[in-house]
Amino acid sequence: MSTPEQSVRTVLCIGNEPVHLNLRCSFLKEHGWNVLSSGSGREGLLRFSTQAVDSVILDLDDAGVEGALVAGELKRIRPSVHIVMLVTNRKALVDGALDSADTVLLRSDESVRLLDALRPLPQS
């Protein structure tokens, strides 16, 4: 039987825009998530490799080259992790970005679709 602490899922938010990152983290905390944050892809990868994370929200350079590289490395480290990639527009996606992301959301839809993108994950 799980205790309430065991059923809380952890999400790692990686983003290079501090205002968006802080708002996203606050929003997720208000909805019951344990939230870790990182302000760069490199910092996010380090945090991801040392801490238990159920899901990652990745918002780096509009899913440009850095976002694709980070997503690929996250999947290499832990293939089962659920990655939600946020983009300004789908034209910003580069080759390989969709190969590693489980869900791609437009940043403009984030406030209404982010929780649904995370919801399919089983409780740990």
N, C-alpha and C. Protein backbone atom coordinates (compact mmCIF):
# COMPACT_ATOMS: atom_id res chain seq x y z
N MET A 1 0.84 -1.18 0.00
CA MET A 1 0.00 0.00 0.00
C MET A 1 0.89 1.24 0.00
N SER A 2 0.56 2.20 -0.83
CA SER A 2 1.41 3.39 -0.93
C SER A 2 0.89 4.50 -0.02
N THR A 3 1.83 5.25 0.49
CA THR A 3 1.48 6.40 1.30
C THR A 3 1.33 7.59 0.38
N PRO A 4 0.72 8.70 0.82
CA PRO A 4 0.59 9.88 -0.05
C PRO A 4 1.92 10.36 -0.60
N GLU A 5 2.99 10.27 0.19
CA GLU A 5 4.29 10.73 -0.29
C GLU A 5 4.77 9.89 -1.46
N GLN A 6 4.46 8.58 -1.45
CA GLN A 6 4.92 7.70 -2.50
C GLN A 6 4.17 7.93 -3.80
N SER A 7 2.95 8.46 -3.74
CA SER A 7 2.16 8.63 -4.95
C SER A 7 2.44 9.97 -5.66
N VAL A 8 3.20 10.84 -5.03
CA VAL A 8 3.54 12.11 -5.67
C VAL A 8 4.58 11.85 -6.75
N ARG A 9 4.28 12.32 -7.94
CA ARG A 9 5.20 12.13 -9.05
C ARG A 9 6.12 13.34 -9.19
N THR A 10 7.30 13.10 -9.72
CA THR A 10 8.30 14.15 -9.87
C THR A 10 8.48 14.49 -11.34
N VAL A 11 8.46 15.79 -11.60
CA VAL A 11 8.69 16.28 -12.95
C VAL A 11 9.90 17.21 -12.92
N LEU A 12 10.74 17.09 -13.92
CA LEU A 12 11.89 17.97 -14.08
C LEU A 12 11.56 18.94 -15.21
N CYS A 13 11.57 20.21 -14.89
CA CYS A 13 11.33 21.25 -15.89
C CYS A 13 12.68 21.84 -16.29
N ILE A 14 12.97 21.76 -17.57
CA ILE A 14 14.21 22.32 -18.11
C ILE A 14 13.82 23.44 -19.06
N GLY A 15 14.31 24.63 -18.79
CA GLY A 15 13.98 25.75 -19.66
C GLY A 15 15.00 26.86 -19.51
N ASN A 16 15.23 27.58 -20.60
CA ASN A 16 16.23 28.64 -20.54
C ASN A 16 15.62 30.04 -20.48
N GLU A 17 14.32 30.12 -20.22
CA GLU A 17 13.67 31.41 -20.01
C GLU A 17 13.14 31.43 -18.58
N PRO A 18 13.82 32.12 -17.66
CA PRO A 18 13.49 32.06 -16.24
C PRO A 18 12.03 32.37 -15.90
N VAL A 19 11.43 33.34 -16.55
CA VAL A 19 10.04 33.69 -16.23
C VAL A 19 9.12 32.53 -16.56
N HIS A 20 9.24 31.96 -17.76
CA HIS A 20 8.40 30.82 -18.15
C HIS A 20 8.67 29.62 -17.26
N LEU A 21 9.94 29.37 -16.95
CA LEU A 21 10.30 28.24 -16.11
C LEU A 21 9.69 28.37 -14.73
N ASN A 22 9.78 29.53 -14.11
CA ASN A 22 9.22 29.73 -12.77
C ASN A 22 7.71 29.62 -12.76
N LEU A 23 7.05 30.17 -13.77
CA LEU A 23 5.59 30.05 -13.86
C LEU A 23 5.16 28.60 -14.03
N ARG A 24 5.85 27.89 -14.88
CA ARG A 24 5.53 26.47 -15.14
C ARG A 24 5.71 25.65 -13.86
N CYS A 25 6.81 25.87 -13.16
CA CYS A 25 7.07 25.13 -11.92
C CYS A 25 6.01 25.43 -10.87
N SER A 26 5.64 26.68 -10.72
CA SER A 26 4.60 27.05 -9.75
C SER A 26 3.27 26.39 -10.10
N PHE A 27 2.91 26.42 -11.37
CA PHE A 27 1.67 25.81 -11.85
C PHE A 27 1.64 24.32 -11.51
N LEU A 28 2.72 23.61 -11.78
CA LEU A 28 2.77 22.18 -11.53
C LEU A 28 2.74 21.86 -10.03
N LYS A 29 3.42 22.66 -9.23
CA LYS A 29 3.38 22.47 -7.77
C LYS A 29 1.96 22.63 -7.25
N GLU A 30 1.24 23.62 -7.78
CA GLU A 30 -0.15 23.84 -7.37
C GLU A 30 -1.03 22.65 -7.72
N HIS A 31 -0.62 21.88 -8.69
CA HIS A 31 -1.40 20.72 -9.11
C HIS A 31 -0.83 19.41 -8.57
N GLY A 32 -0.04 19.49 -7.52
CA GLY A 32 0.38 18.31 -6.78
C GLY A 32 1.65 17.62 -7.22
N TRP A 33 2.38 18.19 -8.14
CA TRP A 33 3.63 17.59 -8.59
C TRP A 33 4.79 18.00 -7.70
N ASN A 34 5.73 17.10 -7.51
CA ASN A 34 7.03 17.44 -6.95
C ASN A 34 7.84 17.94 -8.13
N VAL A 35 8.35 19.16 -8.06
CA VAL A 35 8.97 19.80 -9.21
C VAL A 35 10.44 20.09 -8.96
N LEU A 36 11.26 19.68 -9.91
CA LEU A 36 12.67 20.04 -9.96
C LEU A 36 12.83 20.95 -11.17
N SER A 37 13.77 21.88 -11.11
CA SER A 37 13.95 22.75 -12.27
C SER A 37 15.43 22.93 -12.57
N SER A 38 15.68 23.19 -13.85
CA SER A 38 17.03 23.45 -14.33
C SER A 38 16.95 24.51 -15.41
N GLY A 39 17.89 25.46 -15.37
CA GLY A 39 17.88 26.57 -16.30
C GLY A 39 18.66 26.35 -17.58
N SER A 40 19.21 25.15 -17.76
CA SER A 40 19.94 24.85 -19.00
C SER A 40 19.87 23.36 -19.26
N GLY A 41 20.15 22.99 -20.50
CA GLY A 41 20.15 21.58 -20.85
C GLY A 41 21.20 20.79 -20.10
N ARG A 42 22.38 21.37 -19.98
CA ARG A 42 23.48 20.70 -19.27
C ARG A 42 23.12 20.45 -17.80
N GLU A 43 22.60 21.48 -17.15
CA GLU A 43 22.19 21.35 -15.75
C GLU A 43 21.06 20.33 -15.62
N GLY A 44 20.12 20.34 -16.57
CA GLY A 44 19.01 19.40 -16.54
C GLY A 44 19.47 17.96 -16.67
N LEU A 45 20.41 17.72 -17.55
CA LEU A 45 20.94 16.36 -17.72
C LEU A 45 21.63 15.87 -16.45
N LEU A 46 22.38 16.74 -15.81
CA LEU A 46 23.05 16.37 -14.57
C LEU A 46 22.01 16.03 -13.50
N ARG A 47 21.02 16.86 -13.36
CA ARG A 47 19.97 16.64 -12.36
C ARG A 47 19.22 15.35 -12.66
N PHE A 48 18.90 15.13 -13.93
CA PHE A 48 18.17 13.94 -14.36
C PHE A 48 18.96 12.66 -14.06
N SER A 49 20.26 12.71 -14.23
CA SER A 49 21.07 11.52 -14.02
C SER A 49 21.29 11.19 -12.55
N THR A 50 20.98 12.13 -11.66
CA THR A 50 21.21 11.88 -10.24
C THR A 50 19.94 11.81 -9.40
N GLN A 51 18.78 12.10 -9.99
CA GLN A 51 17.55 12.11 -9.22
C GLN A 51 16.44 11.35 -9.94
N ALA A 52 15.56 10.75 -9.16
CA ALA A 52 14.42 10.03 -9.72
C ALA A 52 13.42 11.02 -10.30
N VAL A 53 13.10 10.84 -11.56
CA VAL A 53 12.19 11.74 -12.26
C VAL A 53 11.21 10.89 -13.07
N ASP A 54 9.92 11.22 -12.99
CA ASP A 54 8.91 10.50 -13.75
C ASP A 54 8.70 11.08 -15.14
N SER A 55 8.89 12.39 -15.25
CA SER A 55 8.60 13.09 -16.50
C SER A 55 9.50 14.31 -16.62
N VAL A 56 9.71 14.74 -17.86
CA VAL A 56 10.52 15.93 -18.12
C VAL A 56 9.74 16.86 -19.04
N ILE A 57 9.72 18.13 -18.71
CA ILE A 57 9.17 19.15 -19.60
C ILE A 57 10.36 19.95 -20.10
N LEU A 58 10.54 19.94 -21.40
CA LEU A 58 11.73 20.51 -22.02
C LEU A 58 11.34 21.72 -22.86
N ASP A 59 11.90 22.88 -22.52
CA ASP A 59 11.62 24.12 -23.24
C ASP A 59 12.93 24.85 -23.47
N LEU A 60 13.67 24.39 -24.48
CA LEU A 60 14.99 24.96 -24.79
C LEU A 60 15.05 25.41 -26.23
N ASP A 61 15.33 26.66 -26.44
CA ASP A 61 15.57 27.18 -27.79
C ASP A 61 14.50 26.73 -28.79
N ASP A 62 13.26 26.79 -28.36
CA ASP A 62 12.15 26.41 -29.25
C ASP A 62 12.36 25.04 -29.87
N ALA A 63 12.88 24.10 -29.08
CA ALA A 63 13.13 22.73 -29.54
C ALA A 63 14.11 22.71 -30.71
N GLY A 64 15.04 23.63 -30.69
CA GLY A 64 16.09 23.65 -31.70
C GLY A 64 17.10 22.56 -31.44
N VAL A 65 18.29 22.76 -31.92
CA VAL A 65 19.33 21.74 -31.82
C VAL A 65 19.57 21.33 -30.37
N GLU A 66 19.68 22.30 -29.47
CA GLU A 66 19.94 21.95 -28.06
C GLU A 66 18.82 21.09 -27.50
N GLY A 67 17.57 21.45 -27.78
CA GLY A 67 16.44 20.68 -27.29
C GLY A 67 16.46 19.25 -27.80
N ALA A 68 16.76 19.07 -29.08
CA ALA A 68 16.82 17.73 -29.67
C ALA A 68 17.94 16.91 -29.04
N LEU A 69 19.09 17.53 -28.82
CA LEU A 69 20.22 16.82 -28.21
C LEU A 69 19.90 16.43 -26.77
N VAL A 70 19.32 17.34 -26.01
CA VAL A 70 18.97 17.05 -24.61
C VAL A 70 17.93 15.94 -24.55
N ALA A 71 16.89 16.02 -25.36
CA ALA A 71 15.85 14.98 -25.36
C ALA A 71 16.44 13.62 -25.70
N GLY A 72 17.32 13.57 -26.68
CA GLY A 72 17.96 12.32 -27.06
C GLY A 72 18.80 11.73 -25.94
N GLU A 73 19.52 12.58 -25.23
CA GLU A 73 20.36 12.12 -24.12
C GLU A 73 19.50 11.65 -22.94
N LEU A 74 18.40 12.34 -22.67
CA LEU A 74 17.48 11.91 -21.61
C LEU A 74 16.97 10.50 -21.90
N LYS A 75 16.57 10.24 -23.14
CA LYS A 75 16.07 8.92 -23.52
C LYS A 75 17.18 7.87 -23.49
N ARG A 76 18.40 8.27 -23.81
CA ARG A 76 19.51 7.33 -23.75
C ARG A 76 19.75 6.90 -22.30
N ILE A 77 19.69 7.86 -21.39
CA ILE A 77 19.92 7.58 -19.97
C ILE A 77 18.79 6.74 -19.39
N ARG A 78 17.55 7.11 -19.71
CA ARG A 78 16.38 6.42 -19.15
C ARG A 78 15.27 6.38 -20.21
N PRO A 79 15.25 5.34 -21.04
CA PRO A 79 14.31 5.27 -22.16
C PRO A 79 12.83 5.37 -21.76
N SER A 80 12.48 5.01 -20.55
CA SER A 80 11.07 5.01 -20.16
C SER A 80 10.56 6.38 -19.73
N VAL A 81 11.43 7.37 -19.61
CA VAL A 81 10.98 8.68 -19.15
C VAL A 81 10.06 9.32 -20.18
N HIS A 82 9.04 9.98 -19.68
CA HIS A 82 8.06 10.67 -20.53
C HIS A 82 8.56 12.10 -20.74
N ILE A 83 8.79 12.50 -22.00
CA ILE A 83 9.29 13.83 -22.31
C ILE A 83 8.22 14.64 -23.03
N VAL A 84 7.91 15.80 -22.46
CA VAL A 84 7.01 16.76 -23.09
C VAL A 84 7.89 17.91 -23.58
N MET A 85 7.88 18.15 -24.89
CA MET A 85 8.67 19.23 -25.46
C MET A 85 7.74 20.39 -25.80
N LEU A 86 8.11 21.58 -25.36
CA LEU A 86 7.34 22.78 -25.65
C LEU A 86 8.02 23.55 -26.77
N VAL A 87 7.23 24.00 -27.74
CA VAL A 87 7.78 24.74 -28.88
C VAL A 87 6.91 25.96 -29.14
N THR A 88 7.52 26.99 -29.73
CA THR A 88 6.77 28.18 -30.12
C THR A 88 5.93 27.89 -31.35
N ASN A 89 6.50 27.18 -32.30
CA ASN A 89 5.76 26.74 -33.47
C ASN A 89 6.40 25.48 -34.00
N ARG A 90 5.65 24.71 -34.72
CA ARG A 90 6.16 23.42 -35.20
C ARG A 90 7.27 23.57 -36.23
N LYS A 91 7.37 24.73 -36.86
CA LYS A 91 8.44 24.96 -37.83
C LYS A 91 9.79 25.03 -37.13
N ALA A 92 9.79 25.30 -35.81
CA ALA A 92 11.04 25.41 -35.06
C ALA A 92 11.67 24.05 -34.78
N LEU A 93 10.93 22.97 -34.98
CA LEU A 93 11.46 21.64 -34.72
C LEU A 93 12.58 21.30 -35.69
N VAL A 94 13.61 20.69 -35.19
CA VAL A 94 14.72 20.26 -36.04
C VAL A 94 14.70 18.74 -36.14
N ASP A 95 15.44 18.22 -37.11
CA ASP A 95 15.53 16.77 -37.24
C ASP A 95 15.97 16.15 -35.93
N GLY A 96 15.27 15.12 -35.53
CA GLY A 96 15.61 14.42 -34.29
C GLY A 96 14.82 14.88 -33.09
N ALA A 97 14.22 16.05 -33.13
CA ALA A 97 13.49 16.55 -31.97
C ALA A 97 12.29 15.67 -31.65
N LEU A 98 11.59 15.22 -32.66
CA LEU A 98 10.41 14.39 -32.43
C LEU A 98 10.76 12.94 -32.14
N ASP A 99 11.97 12.54 -32.44
CA ASP A 99 12.37 11.15 -32.19
C ASP A 99 12.38 10.82 -30.70
N SER A 100 12.68 11.79 -29.86
CA SER A 100 12.81 11.54 -28.43
C SER A 100 11.66 12.07 -27.59
N ALA A 101 10.92 13.03 -28.09
CA ALA A 101 9.81 13.60 -27.31
C ALA A 101 8.59 12.70 -27.43
N ASP A 102 7.93 12.45 -26.30
CA ASP A 102 6.70 11.66 -26.32
C ASP A 102 5.51 12.53 -26.68
N THR A 103 5.59 13.79 -26.30
CA THR A 103 4.52 14.75 -26.57
C THR A 103 5.15 16.08 -26.94
N VAL A 104 4.62 16.71 -27.98
CA VAL A 104 5.06 18.05 -28.36
C VAL A 104 3.85 18.97 -28.22
N LEU A 105 4.03 20.03 -27.43
CA LEU A 105 2.97 21.01 -27.22
C LEU A 105 3.43 22.38 -27.69
N LEU A 106 2.51 23.09 -28.30
CA LEU A 106 2.79 24.49 -28.59
C LEU A 106 2.77 25.25 -27.28
N ARG A 107 3.72 26.14 -27.09
CA ARG A 107 3.77 26.91 -25.86
C ARG A 107 2.47 27.68 -25.63
N SER A 108 1.82 28.10 -26.69
CA SER A 108 0.56 28.84 -26.56
C SER A 108 -0.57 27.97 -26.00
N ASP A 109 -0.44 26.64 -26.10
CA ASP A 109 -1.45 25.72 -25.58
C ASP A 109 -1.07 25.15 -24.22
N GLU A 110 0.09 25.54 -23.72
CA GLU A 110 0.63 24.94 -22.51
C GLU A 110 -0.33 25.00 -21.33
N SER A 111 -0.94 26.14 -21.09
CA SER A 111 -1.77 26.30 -19.90
C SER A 111 -2.99 25.38 -19.90
N VAL A 112 -3.47 24.99 -21.06
CA VAL A 112 -4.66 24.13 -21.10
C VAL A 112 -4.34 22.67 -21.40
N ARG A 113 -3.15 22.37 -21.89
CA ARG A 113 -2.84 20.99 -22.29
C ARG A 113 -1.72 20.32 -21.50
N LEU A 114 -0.99 21.08 -20.71
CA LEU A 114 0.18 20.51 -20.04
C LEU A 114 -0.20 19.39 -19.07
N LEU A 115 -1.18 19.61 -18.23
CA LEU A 115 -1.56 18.57 -17.27
C LEU A 115 -2.06 17.32 -17.98
N ASP A 116 -2.82 17.48 -19.06
CA ASP A 116 -3.27 16.33 -19.82
C ASP A 116 -2.11 15.57 -20.45
N ALA A 117 -1.07 16.28 -20.85
CA ALA A 117 0.11 15.64 -21.43
C ALA A 117 0.84 14.80 -20.40
N LEU A 118 0.76 15.17 -19.14
CA LEU A 118 1.42 14.44 -18.07
C LEU A 118 0.53 13.35 -17.47
N ARG A 119 -0.77 13.50 -17.55
CA ARG A 119 -1.71 12.61 -16.89
C ARG A 119 -1.61 11.14 -17.29
N PRO A 120 -1.28 10.79 -18.53
CA PRO A 120 -1.25 9.36 -18.87
C PRO A 120 -0.21 8.54 -18.12
N LEU A 121 0.70 9.19 -17.43
CA LEU A 121 1.73 8.44 -16.70
C LEU A 121 1.11 7.67 -15.55
N PRO A 122 1.53 6.42 -15.36
CA PRO A 122 1.02 5.64 -14.22
C PRO A 122 1.57 6.21 -12.92
N GLN A 123 0.79 6.09 -11.88
CA GLN A 123 1.26 6.50 -10.55
C GLN A 123 2.40 5.57 -10.14
N SER A 124 3.43 6.13 -9.55
CA SER A 124 4.55 5.30 -9.11
C SER A 124 4.35 4.83 -7.70
